[in-house]
PDB file of all heavy atoms in Angstrom:
ATOM      1  N   PRO A   1     -33.649 -26.255 136.275  1.00  0.00           N
ATOM      2  CA  PRO A   1     -32.963 -24.967 136.055  1.00  0.00           C
ATOM      3  C   PRO A   1     -31.923 -25.004 134.937  1.00  0.00           C
ATOM      4  O   PRO A   1     -31.787 -24.050 134.163  1.00  0.00           O
ATOM      5  CB  PRO A   1     -32.297 -24.681 137.398  1.00  0.00           C
ATOM      6  CG  PRO A   1     -33.038 -25.476 138.386  1.00  0.00           C
ATOM      7  CD  PRO A   1     -33.549 -26.679 137.670  1.00  0.00           C
ATOM      8  N   ILE A   2     -31.221 -26.129 134.831  1.00  0.00           N
ATOM      9  CA  ILE A   2     -30.230 -26.266 133.755  1.00  0.00           C
ATOM     10  C   ILE A   2     -30.928 -26.258 132.405  1.00  0.00           C
ATOM     11  O   ILE A   2     -30.476 -25.601 131.453  1.00  0.00           O
ATOM     12  CB  ILE A   2     -29.409 -27.557 133.942  1.00  0.00           C
ATOM     13  CG1 ILE A   2     -28.613 -27.472 135.241  1.00  0.00           C
ATOM     14  CG2 ILE A   2     -28.488 -27.795 132.759  1.00  0.00           C
ATOM     15  CD1 ILE A   2     -27.964 -28.770 135.637  1.00  0.00           C
ATOM     16  N   ILE A   3     -32.027 -26.953 132.318  1.00  0.00           N
ATOM     17  CA  ILE A   3     -32.778 -27.010 131.065  1.00  0.00           C
ATOM     18  C   ILE A   3     -33.338 -25.638 130.709  1.00  0.00           C
ATOM     19  O   ILE A   3     -33.303 -25.228 129.549  1.00  0.00           O
ATOM     20  CB  ILE A   3     -33.885 -28.073 131.150  1.00  0.00           C
ATOM     21  CG1 ILE A   3     -33.247 -29.452 131.176  1.00  0.00           C
ATOM     22  CG2 ILE A   3     -34.852 -27.962 129.982  1.00  0.00           C
ATOM     23  CD1 ILE A   3     -34.209 -30.581 131.354  1.00  0.00           C
ATOM     24  N   LEU A   4     -33.830 -24.916 131.694  1.00  0.00           N
ATOM     25  CA  LEU A   4     -34.359 -23.573 131.418  1.00  0.00           C
ATOM     26  C   LEU A   4     -33.283 -22.633 130.905  1.00  0.00           C
ATOM     27  O   LEU A   4     -33.520 -21.855 129.970  1.00  0.00           O
ATOM     28  CB  LEU A   4     -35.027 -22.998 132.673  1.00  0.00           C
ATOM     29  CG  LEU A   4     -36.349 -23.645 133.081  1.00  0.00           C
ATOM     30  CD1 LEU A   4     -36.846 -23.059 134.388  1.00  0.00           C
ATOM     31  CD2 LEU A   4     -37.377 -23.503 131.993  1.00  0.00           C
ATOM     32  N   VAL A   5     -32.082 -22.706 131.475  1.00  0.00           N
ATOM     33  CA  VAL A   5     -30.979 -21.874 130.978  1.00  0.00           C
ATOM     34  C   VAL A   5     -30.615 -22.272 129.557  1.00  0.00           C
ATOM     35  O   VAL A   5     -30.408 -21.415 128.682  1.00  0.00           O
ATOM     36  CB  VAL A   5     -29.759 -21.981 131.923  1.00  0.00           C
ATOM     37  CG1 VAL A   5     -28.531 -21.354 131.303  1.00  0.00           C
ATOM     38  CG2 VAL A   5     -30.066 -21.329 133.260  1.00  0.00           C
ATOM     39  N   LEU A   6     -30.541 -23.581 129.308  1.00  0.00           N
ATOM     40  CA  LEU A   6     -30.212 -24.038 127.950  1.00  0.00           C
ATOM     41  C   LEU A   6     -31.290 -23.659 126.945  1.00  0.00           C
ATOM     42  O   LEU A   6     -30.981 -23.309 125.798  1.00  0.00           O
ATOM     43  CB  LEU A   6     -29.990 -25.553 127.947  1.00  0.00           C
ATOM     44  CG  LEU A   6     -28.680 -26.039 128.555  1.00  0.00           C
ATOM     45  CD1 LEU A   6     -28.655 -27.555 128.601  1.00  0.00           C
ATOM     46  CD2 LEU A   6     -27.491 -25.498 127.803  1.00  0.00           C
ATOM     47  N   VAL A   7     -32.549 -23.706 127.343  1.00  0.00           N
ATOM     48  CA  VAL A   7     -33.635 -23.306 126.443  1.00  0.00           C
ATOM     49  C   VAL A   7     -33.538 -21.822 126.136  1.00  0.00           C
ATOM     50  O   VAL A   7     -33.725 -21.398 124.992  1.00  0.00           O
ATOM     51  CB  VAL A   7     -35.014 -23.671 127.048  1.00  0.00           C
ATOM     52  CG1 VAL A   7     -36.139 -22.958 126.330  1.00  0.00           C
ATOM     53  CG2 VAL A   7     -35.223 -25.160 126.995  1.00  0.00           C
ATOM     54  N   PHE A   8     -33.201 -21.009 127.139  1.00  0.00           N
ATOM     55  CA  PHE A   8     -33.033 -19.574 126.916  1.00  0.00           C
ATOM     56  C   PHE A   8     -31.886 -19.306 125.941  1.00  0.00           C
ATOM     57  O   PHE A   8     -32.023 -18.506 125.003  1.00  0.00           O
ATOM     58  CB  PHE A   8     -32.782 -18.861 128.246  1.00  0.00           C
ATOM     59  CG  PHE A   8     -32.657 -17.381 128.126  1.00  0.00           C
ATOM     60  CD1 PHE A   8     -33.761 -16.598 127.833  1.00  0.00           C
ATOM     61  CD2 PHE A   8     -31.429 -16.762 128.293  1.00  0.00           C
ATOM     62  CE1 PHE A   8     -33.650 -15.229 127.714  1.00  0.00           C
ATOM     63  CE2 PHE A   8     -31.307 -15.404 128.183  1.00  0.00           C
ATOM     64  CZ  PHE A   8     -32.420 -14.631 127.895  1.00  0.00           C
ATOM     65  N   ILE A   9     -30.759 -19.985 126.126  1.00  0.00           N
ATOM     66  CA  ILE A   9     -29.621 -19.832 125.202  1.00  0.00           C
ATOM     67  C   ILE A   9     -30.009 -20.317 123.812  1.00  0.00           C
ATOM     68  O   ILE A   9     -29.662 -19.685 122.802  1.00  0.00           O
ATOM     69  CB  ILE A   9     -28.395 -20.596 125.746  1.00  0.00           C
ATOM     70  CG1 ILE A   9     -27.887 -19.932 127.019  1.00  0.00           C
ATOM     71  CG2 ILE A   9     -27.285 -20.652 124.705  1.00  0.00           C
ATOM     72  CD1 ILE A   9     -26.824 -20.730 127.745  1.00  0.00           C
ATOM     73  N   TRP A  10     -30.750 -21.434 123.738  1.00  0.00           N
ATOM     74  CA  TRP A  10     -31.175 -21.965 122.439  1.00  0.00           C
ATOM     75  C   TRP A  10     -32.080 -20.977 121.710  1.00  0.00           C
ATOM     76  O   TRP A  10     -31.956 -20.791 120.495  1.00  0.00           O
ATOM     77  CB  TRP A  10     -31.891 -23.294 122.658  1.00  0.00           C
ATOM     78  CG  TRP A  10     -32.467 -23.871 121.417  1.00  0.00           C
ATOM     79  CD1 TRP A  10     -31.786 -24.449 120.384  1.00  0.00           C
ATOM     80  CD2 TRP A  10     -33.844 -23.915 121.060  1.00  0.00           C
ATOM     81  NE1 TRP A  10     -32.675 -24.851 119.417  1.00  0.00           N
ATOM     82  CE2 TRP A  10     -33.940 -24.536 119.808  1.00  0.00           C
ATOM     83  CE3 TRP A  10     -35.010 -23.499 121.686  1.00  0.00           C
ATOM     84  CZ2 TRP A  10     -35.141 -24.745 119.167  1.00  0.00           C
ATOM     85  CZ3 TRP A  10     -36.211 -23.711 121.057  1.00  0.00           C
ATOM     86  CH2 TRP A  10     -36.271 -24.327 119.817  1.00  0.00           C
ATOM     87  N   LEU A  11     -32.988 -20.321 122.440  1.00  0.00           N
ATOM     88  CA  LEU A  11     -33.861 -19.332 121.812  1.00  0.00           C
ATOM     89  C   LEU A  11     -33.069 -18.143 121.270  1.00  0.00           C
ATOM     90  O   LEU A  11     -33.360 -17.630 120.186  1.00  0.00           O
ATOM     91  CB  LEU A  11     -34.926 -18.850 122.796  1.00  0.00           C
ATOM     92  CG  LEU A  11     -36.055 -19.836 123.077  1.00  0.00           C
ATOM     93  CD1 LEU A  11     -36.945 -19.313 124.189  1.00  0.00           C
ATOM     94  CD2 LEU A  11     -36.855 -20.106 121.831  1.00  0.00           C
ATOM     95  N   ILE A  12     -32.065 -17.703 122.018  1.00  0.00           N
ATOM     96  CA  ILE A  12     -31.225 -16.603 121.545  1.00  0.00           C
ATOM     97  C   ILE A  12     -30.473 -17.019 120.287  1.00  0.00           C
ATOM     98  O   ILE A  12     -30.431 -16.274 119.295  1.00  0.00           O
ATOM     99  CB  ILE A  12     -30.255 -16.150 122.652  1.00  0.00           C
ATOM    100  CG1 ILE A  12     -31.027 -15.466 123.776  1.00  0.00           C
ATOM    101  CG2 ILE A  12     -29.188 -15.210 122.102  1.00  0.00           C
ATOM    102  CD1 ILE A  12     -30.196 -15.153 124.992  1.00  0.00           C
ATOM    103  N   VAL A  13     -29.875 -18.207 120.307  1.00  0.00           N
ATOM    104  CA  VAL A  13     -29.132 -18.692 119.139  1.00  0.00           C
ATOM    105  C   VAL A  13     -30.063 -18.865 117.943  1.00  0.00           C
ATOM    106  O   VAL A  13     -29.724 -18.492 116.813  1.00  0.00           O
ATOM    107  CB  VAL A  13     -28.399 -20.012 119.474  1.00  0.00           C
ATOM    108  CG1 VAL A  13     -27.847 -20.673 118.229  1.00  0.00           C
ATOM    109  CG2 VAL A  13     -27.294 -19.766 120.473  1.00  0.00           C
ATOM    110  N   LYS A  14     -31.250 -19.415 118.167  1.00  0.00           N
ATOM    111  CA  LYS A  14     -32.210 -19.617 117.076  1.00  0.00           C
ATOM    112  C   LYS A  14     -32.625 -18.281 116.466  1.00  0.00           C
ATOM    113  O   LYS A  14     -32.724 -18.154 115.238  1.00  0.00           O
ATOM    114  CB  LYS A  14     -33.431 -20.372 117.592  1.00  0.00           C
ATOM    115  CG  LYS A  14     -34.404 -20.750 116.518  1.00  0.00           C
ATOM    116  CD  LYS A  14     -35.383 -21.764 117.041  1.00  0.00           C
ATOM    117  CE  LYS A  14     -36.295 -22.269 115.966  1.00  0.00           C
ATOM    118  NZ  LYS A  14     -35.636 -22.998 114.910  1.00  0.00           N
ATOM    119  N   THR A  15     -32.845 -17.265 117.307  1.00  0.00           N
ATOM    120  CA  THR A  15     -33.208 -15.940 116.803  1.00  0.00           C
ATOM    121  C   THR A  15     -32.075 -15.335 115.989  1.00  0.00           C
ATOM    122  O   THR A  15     -32.304 -14.794 114.898  1.00  0.00           O
ATOM    123  CB  THR A  15     -33.575 -15.015 117.972  1.00  0.00           C
ATOM    124  OG1 THR A  15     -34.623 -15.611 118.728  1.00  0.00           O
ATOM    125  CG2 THR A  15     -34.003 -13.652 117.482  1.00  0.00           C
ATOM    126  N   LEU A  16     -30.856 -15.424 116.508  1.00  0.00           N
ATOM    127  CA  LEU A  16     -29.710 -14.869 115.779  1.00  0.00           C
ATOM    128  C   LEU A  16     -29.473 -15.581 114.452  1.00  0.00           C
ATOM    129  O   LEU A  16     -29.183 -14.935 113.430  1.00  0.00           O
ATOM    130  CB  LEU A  16     -28.455 -14.932 116.649  1.00  0.00           C
ATOM    131  CG  LEU A  16     -28.416 -13.978 117.835  1.00  0.00           C
ATOM    132  CD1 LEU A  16     -27.173 -14.242 118.682  1.00  0.00           C
ATOM    133  CD2 LEU A  16     -28.445 -12.539 117.365  1.00  0.00           C
ATOM    134  N   VAL A  17     -29.611 -16.894 114.445  1.00  0.00           N
ATOM    135  CA  VAL A  17     -29.419 -17.649 113.201  1.00  0.00           C
ATOM    136  C   VAL A  17     -30.505 -17.297 112.192  1.00  0.00           C
ATOM    137  O   VAL A  17     -30.222 -17.131 110.997  1.00  0.00           O
ATOM    138  CB  VAL A  17     -29.366 -19.167 113.485  1.00  0.00           C
ATOM    139  CG1 VAL A  17     -29.470 -19.971 112.205  1.00  0.00           C
ATOM    140  CG2 VAL A  17     -28.091 -19.522 114.209  1.00  0.00           C
ATOM    141  N   SER A  18     -31.734 -17.142 112.645  1.00  0.00           N
ATOM    142  CA  SER A  18     -32.821 -16.780 111.726  1.00  0.00           C
ATOM    143  C   SER A  18     -32.599 -15.396 111.127  1.00  0.00           C
ATOM    144  O   SER A  18     -32.801 -15.196 109.922  1.00  0.00           O
ATOM    145  CB  SER A  18     -34.161 -16.814 112.459  1.00  0.00           C
ATOM    146  OG  SER A  18     -34.450 -18.111 112.879  1.00  0.00           O
ATOM    147  N   LEU A  19     -32.185 -14.446 111.951  1.00  0.00           N
ATOM    148  CA  LEU A  19     -31.886 -13.109 111.430  1.00  0.00           C
ATOM    149  C   LEU A  19     -30.719 -13.147 110.447  1.00  0.00           C
ATOM    150  O   LEU A  19     -30.745 -12.497 109.401  1.00  0.00           O
ATOM    151  CB  LEU A  19     -31.565 -12.151 112.575  1.00  0.00           C
ATOM    152  CG  LEU A  19     -32.740 -11.697 113.418  1.00  0.00           C
ATOM    153  CD1 LEU A  19     -32.255 -10.915 114.619  1.00  0.00           C
ATOM    154  CD2 LEU A  19     -33.694 -10.859 112.600  1.00  0.00           C
ATOM    155  N   TYR A  20     -29.688 -13.918 110.794  1.00  0.00           N
ATOM    156  CA  TYR A  20     -28.526 -14.017 109.913  1.00  0.00           C
ATOM    157  C   TYR A  20     -28.883 -14.688 108.593  1.00  0.00           C
ATOM    158  O   TYR A  20     -28.328 -14.329 107.547  1.00  0.00           O
ATOM    159  CB  TYR A  20     -27.399 -14.784 110.615  1.00  0.00           C
ATOM    160  CG  TYR A  20     -26.099 -14.763 109.865  1.00  0.00           C
ATOM    161  CD1 TYR A  20     -25.333 -13.612 109.805  1.00  0.00           C
ATOM    162  CD2 TYR A  20     -25.646 -15.889 109.196  1.00  0.00           C
ATOM    163  CE1 TYR A  20     -24.147 -13.588 109.113  1.00  0.00           C
ATOM    164  CE2 TYR A  20     -24.457 -15.875 108.501  1.00  0.00           C
ATOM    165  CZ  TYR A  20     -23.711 -14.722 108.460  1.00  0.00           C
ATOM    166  OH  TYR A  20     -22.534 -14.703 107.765  1.00  0.00           O
ATOM    167  N   GLU A  21     -29.810 -15.656 108.621  1.00  0.00           N
ATOM    168  CA  GLU A  21     -30.243 -16.299 107.377  1.00  0.00           C
ATOM    169  C   GLU A  21     -30.871 -15.292 106.425  1.00  0.00           C
ATOM    170  O   GLU A  21     -30.565 -15.284 105.232  1.00  0.00           O
ATOM    171  CB  GLU A  21     -31.257 -17.403 107.675  1.00  0.00           C
ATOM    172  CG  GLU A  21     -30.686 -18.645 108.269  1.00  0.00           C
ATOM    173  CD  GLU A  21     -31.750 -19.642 108.671  1.00  0.00           C
ATOM    174  OE1 GLU A  21     -32.958 -19.322 108.560  1.00  0.00           O
ATOM    175  OE2 GLU A  21     -31.383 -20.740 109.096  1.00  0.00           O
ATOM    176  N   VAL A  22     -31.741 -14.447 106.952  1.00  0.00           N
ATOM    177  CA  VAL A  22     -32.417 -13.450 106.114  1.00  0.00           C
ATOM    178  C   VAL A  22     -31.405 -12.455 105.553  1.00  0.00           C
ATOM    179  O   VAL A  22     -31.384 -12.168 104.355  1.00  0.00           O
ATOM    180  CB  VAL A  22     -33.526 -12.731 106.912  1.00  0.00           C
ATOM    181  CG1 VAL A  22     -34.090 -11.571 106.131  1.00  0.00           C
ATOM    182  CG2 VAL A  22     -34.618 -13.704 107.289  1.00  0.00           C
ATOM    183  N   VAL A  23     -30.559 -11.934 106.436  1.00  0.00           N
ATOM    184  CA  VAL A  23     -29.564 -10.949 105.999  1.00  0.00           C
ATOM    185  C   VAL A  23     -28.579 -11.581 105.021  1.00  0.00           C
ATOM    186  O   VAL A  23     -28.206 -10.950 104.020  1.00  0.00           O
ATOM    187  CB  VAL A  23     -28.832 -10.349 107.222  1.00  0.00           C
ATOM    188  CG1 VAL A  23     -27.671  -9.493 106.797  1.00  0.00           C
ATOM    189  CG2 VAL A  23     -29.802  -9.552 108.073  1.00  0.00           C
ATOM    190  N   HIS A  24     -28.174 -12.805 105.296  1.00  0.00           N
ATOM    191  CA  HIS A  24     -27.232 -13.480 104.394  1.00  0.00           C
ATOM    192  C   HIS A  24     -27.838 -13.654 103.009  1.00  0.00           C
ATOM    193  O   HIS A  24     -27.160 -13.442 101.992  1.00  0.00           O
ATOM    194  CB  HIS A  24     -26.849 -14.843 104.967  1.00  0.00           C
ATOM    195  CG  HIS A  24     -25.878 -15.597 104.123  1.00  0.00           C
ATOM    196  ND1 HIS A  24     -26.282 -16.510 103.194  1.00  0.00           N
ATOM    197  CD2 HIS A  24     -24.535 -15.565 104.045  1.00  0.00           C
ATOM    198  CE1 HIS A  24     -25.235 -17.018 102.588  1.00  0.00           C
ATOM    199  NE2 HIS A  24     -24.153 -16.465 103.089  1.00  0.00           N
ATOM    200  N   GLY A  25     -29.113 -14.023 102.945  1.00  0.00           N
ATOM    201  CA  GLY A  25     -29.764 -14.196 101.646  1.00  0.00           C
ATOM    202  C   GLY A  25     -29.822 -12.909 100.855  1.00  0.00           C
ATOM    203  O   GLY A  25     -29.514 -12.877  99.659  1.00  0.00           O
ATOM    204  N   ILE A  26     -30.180 -11.808 101.509  1.00  0.00           N
ATOM    205  CA  ILE A  26     -30.277 -10.522 100.819  1.00  0.00           C
ATOM    206  C   ILE A  26     -28.898 -10.020 100.396  1.00  0.00           C
ATOM    207  O   ILE A  26     -28.704  -9.610  99.246  1.00  0.00           O
ATOM    208  CB  ILE A  26     -30.983  -9.487 101.723  1.00  0.00           C
ATOM    209  CG1 ILE A  26     -32.443  -9.896 101.927  1.00  0.00           C
ATOM    210  CG2 ILE A  26     -30.900  -8.087 101.125  1.00  0.00           C
ATOM    211  CD1 ILE A  26     -33.143  -9.098 102.995  1.00  0.00           C
ATOM    212  N   VAL A  27     -27.947 -10.080 101.309  1.00  0.00           N
ATOM    213  CA  VAL A  27     -26.597  -9.586 100.995  1.00  0.00           C
ATOM    214  C   VAL A  27     -25.949 -10.445  99.928  1.00  0.00           C
ATOM    215  O   VAL A  27     -25.290  -9.922  99.014  1.00  0.00           O
ATOM    216  CB  VAL A  27     -25.735  -9.523 102.275  1.00  0.00           C
ATOM    217  CG1 VAL A  27     -24.283  -9.261 101.949  1.00  0.00           C
ATOM    218  CG2 VAL A  27     -26.259  -8.446 103.210  1.00  0.00           C
ATOM    219  N   TYR A  28     -26.113 -11.753 100.016  1.00  0.00           N
ATOM    220  CA  TYR A  28     -25.490 -12.614  99.022  1.00  0.00           C
ATOM    221  C   TYR A  28     -26.104 -12.418  97.641  1.00  0.00           C
ATOM    222  O   TYR A  28     -25.409 -12.562  96.629  1.00  0.00           O
ATOM    223  CB  TYR A  28     -25.565 -14.078  99.448  1.00  0.00           C
ATOM    224  CG  TYR A  28     -24.488 -14.912  98.836  1.00  0.00           C
ATOM    225  CD1 TYR A  28     -23.156 -14.674  99.125  1.00  0.00           C
ATOM    226  CD2 TYR A  28     -24.785 -15.911  97.931  1.00  0.00           C
ATOM    227  CE1 TYR A  28     -22.149 -15.420  98.542  1.00  0.00           C
ATOM    228  CE2 TYR A  28     -23.798 -16.662  97.346  1.00  0.00           C
ATOM    229  CZ  TYR A  28     -22.481 -16.414  97.655  1.00  0.00           C
ATOM    230  OH  TYR A  28     -21.500 -17.144  97.071  1.00  0.00           O
ATOM    231  N   LEU A  29     -27.376 -12.056  97.572  1.00  0.00           N
ATOM    232  CA  LEU A  29     -27.992 -11.717  96.295  1.00  0.00           C
ATOM    233  C   LEU A  29     -27.280 -10.514  95.672  1.00  0.00           C
ATOM    234  O   LEU A  29     -26.939 -10.521  94.483  1.00  0.00           O
ATOM    235  CB  LEU A  29     -29.477 -11.423  96.479  1.00  0.00           C
ATOM    236  CG  LEU A  29     -30.233 -10.923  95.247  1.00  0.00           C
ATOM    237  CD1 LEU A  29     -30.336 -12.047  94.223  1.00  0.00           C
ATOM    238  CD2 LEU A  29     -31.592 -10.410  95.637  1.00  0.00           C
ATOM    239  N   PHE A  30     -27.027  -9.479  96.491  1.00  0.00           N
ATOM    240  CA  PHE A  30     -26.307  -8.313  95.986  1.00  0.00           C
ATOM    241  C   PHE A  30     -24.860  -8.643  95.622  1.00  0.00           C
ATOM    242  O   PHE A  30     -24.322  -8.100  94.662  1.00  0.00           O
ATOM    243  CB  PHE A  30     -26.345  -7.171  96.998  1.00  0.00           C
ATOM    244  CG  PHE A  30     -27.679  -6.491  97.076  1.00  0.00           C
ATOM    245  CD1 PHE A  30     -28.397  -6.476  98.259  1.00  0.00           C
ATOM    246  CD2 PHE A  30     -28.228  -5.877  95.960  1.00  0.00           C
ATOM    247  CE1 PHE A  30     -29.629  -5.860  98.334  1.00  0.00           C
ATOM    248  CE2 PHE A  30     -29.460  -5.258  96.019  1.00  0.00           C
ATOM    249  CZ  PHE A  30     -30.164  -5.253  97.211  1.00  0.00           C
ATOM    250  N   VAL A  31     -24.231  -9.532  96.376  1.00  0.00           N
ATOM    251  CA  VAL A  31     -22.863  -9.941  96.055  1.00  0.00           C
ATOM    252  C   VAL A  31     -22.824 -10.608  94.691  1.00  0.00           C
ATOM    253  O   VAL A  31     -21.928 -10.348  93.877  1.00  0.00           O
ATOM    254  CB  VAL A  31     -22.299 -10.869  97.156  1.00  0.00           C
ATOM    255  CG1 VAL A  31     -21.048 -11.583  96.686  1.00  0.00           C
ATOM    256  CG2 VAL A  31     -22.014 -10.088  98.417  1.00  0.00           C
ATOM    257  N   ILE A  32     -23.786 -11.462  94.398  1.00  0.00           N
ATOM    258  CA  ILE A  32     -23.824 -12.129  93.090  1.00  0.00           C
ATOM    259  C   ILE A  32     -24.059 -11.110  91.976  1.00  0.00           C
ATOM    260  O   ILE A  32     -23.400 -11.157  90.929  1.00  0.00           O
ATOM    261  CB  ILE A  32     -24.904 -13.237  93.081  1.00  0.00           C
ATOM    262  CG1 ILE A  32     -24.473 -14.379  93.979  1.00  0.00           C
ATOM    263  CG2 ILE A  32     -25.173 -13.733  91.671  1.00  0.00           C
ATOM    264  CD1 ILE A  32     -25.519 -15.443  94.182  1.00  0.00           C
ATOM    265  N   ILE A  33     -24.983 -10.171  92.213  1.00  0.00           N
ATOM    266  CA  ILE A  33     -25.247  -9.145  91.197  1.00  0.00           C
ATOM    267  C   ILE A  33     -24.009  -8.298  90.951  1.00  0.00           C
ATOM    268  O   ILE A  33     -23.632  -8.037  89.801  1.00  0.00           O
ATOM    269  CB  ILE A  33     -26.451  -8.280  91.614  1.00  0.00           C
ATOM    270  CG1 ILE A  33     -27.746  -9.091  91.545  1.00  0.00           C
ATOM    271  CG2 ILE A  33     -26.561  -7.032  90.733  1.00  0.00           C
ATOM    272  CD1 ILE A  33     -28.938  -8.399  92.160  1.00  0.00           C
TER     273      ILE A  33
END
C-alpha cells in the first residue's frame, strides 16, 4: 500500500513536470524573443 501511494504521487509529479517542461520551453522562447 505504501508503494502504491508513492507510485500514484510519482505519476502526478511526473505529469506535472512534463507539462511544465513543455510550457517552460514555449514561454522561454518568447521571453528570449
